[in-house]
């Protein structure tokens, strides 16, 4: 499995929806690739964080103006670390 396929399968993996052979390949790749391990952890954190928000907090209107700017700045800052 390469990193592109890994990224495509992350959601299914977290949902427990991968067929056994794909899950085995997914986990094997995870043990070999630090970048994908980091990606999976960041994805889990994002899901956990956003899952705790009320549905209306994710509407297009809620992500306009200052909220959107702060969110983009947080992602930019994180990428520079």
Protein backbone atom coordinates (compact mmCIF):
# COMPACT_ATOMS: atom_id res chain seq x y z
CA UNK A 1 0.00 0.00 0.00
CA UNK A 2 1.26 3.48 -0.78
CA UNK A 3 0.47 6.70 1.09
CA UNK A 4 -2.17 7.83 -1.42
CA UNK A 5 -4.18 4.65 -0.95
CA UNK A 6 -3.71 4.91 2.82
CA UNK A 7 -5.22 8.41 2.84
CA UNK A 8 -8.18 7.21 0.77
CA UNK A 9 -8.90 4.43 3.28
CA UNK A 10 -8.53 6.35 6.56
CA UNK A 11 -12.22 7.05 7.03
CA UNK A 12 -13.22 3.46 6.33
CA UNK A 13 -10.52 2.26 8.72
CA UNK A 14 -11.75 4.50 11.53
CA UNK A 15 -15.32 3.38 10.87
CA UNK A 16 -14.26 -0.28 11.07
CA UNK A 17 -15.52 -0.77 7.53
CA UNK A 18 -12.41 -2.09 5.77
CA UNK A 19 -12.40 -5.67 4.52
CA UNK A 20 -9.94 -7.78 6.53
CA UNK A 21 -7.30 -7.90 3.78
CA UNK A 22 -7.38 -4.13 3.28
CA UNK A 23 -7.20 -3.54 7.02
CA UNK A 24 -4.17 -5.83 7.24
CA UNK A 25 -2.42 -3.89 4.46
CA UNK A 26 -3.44 -0.60 6.09
CA UNK A 27 -1.96 -1.57 9.47
CA UNK A 28 1.19 -2.94 7.80
CA UNK A 29 1.71 0.38 6.01
CA UNK A 30 1.11 2.22 9.26
CA UNK A 31 3.97 0.34 10.94
CA UNK A 32 6.34 1.34 8.13
CA UNK A 33 5.38 4.97 7.50
CA UNK A 34 5.83 7.66 10.16
CA UNK A 35 4.12 10.24 7.94
CA UNK A 36 0.94 8.18 7.67
CA UNK A 37 1.03 7.43 11.39
CA UNK A 38 1.09 11.19 12.03
CA UNK A 39 -1.68 11.74 9.46
CA UNK A 40 -3.89 9.13 11.12
CA UNK A 41 -3.40 10.68 14.56
CA UNK A 42 -4.18 14.17 13.23
CA UNK A 43 -7.27 12.81 11.48
CA UNK A 44 -8.44 11.17 14.72
CA UNK A 45 -7.92 14.43 16.62
CA UNK A 46 -9.87 16.35 13.99
CA UNK A 47 -12.76 13.90 14.10
CA UNK A 48 -12.80 13.97 17.91
CA UNK A 49 -12.73 17.77 18.00
CA UNK A 50 -15.32 18.36 15.31
CA UNK A 51 -17.52 15.56 16.61
CA UNK A 52 -17.97 17.48 19.84
CA UNK A 53 -19.28 20.59 18.11
CA UNK A 54 -22.98 21.28 17.61
CA UNK A 55 -24.10 20.77 14.00
CA UNK A 56 -24.78 24.46 13.42
CA UNK A 57 -21.17 25.31 14.37
CA UNK A 58 -20.04 23.76 11.09
CA UNK A 59 -22.43 25.64 8.80
CA UNK A 60 -21.05 27.84 6.03
CA UNK A 61 -22.19 30.96 7.90
CA UNK A 62 -20.43 29.89 11.10
CA UNK A 63 -17.14 29.55 9.24
CA UNK A 64 -17.12 33.00 7.75
CA UNK A 65 -15.20 36.05 8.85
CA UNK A 66 -13.08 35.87 12.00
CA UNK A 67 -13.80 32.19 12.75
CA UNK A 68 -12.63 31.12 9.32
CA UNK A 69 -9.54 33.31 9.58
CA UNK A 70 -8.60 31.86 12.99
CA UNK A 71 -9.09 28.32 11.73
CA UNK A 72 -6.89 28.89 8.68
CA UNK A 73 -4.22 30.52 10.85
CA UNK A 74 -4.24 27.52 13.20
CA UNK A 75 -3.67 25.13 10.28
CA UNK A 76 -0.90 27.32 8.86
CA UNK A 77 0.81 27.55 12.25
CA UNK A 78 0.59 23.78 12.74
CA UNK A 79 2.15 23.13 9.33
CA UNK A 80 5.12 25.36 10.17
CA UNK A 81 6.06 23.34 13.28
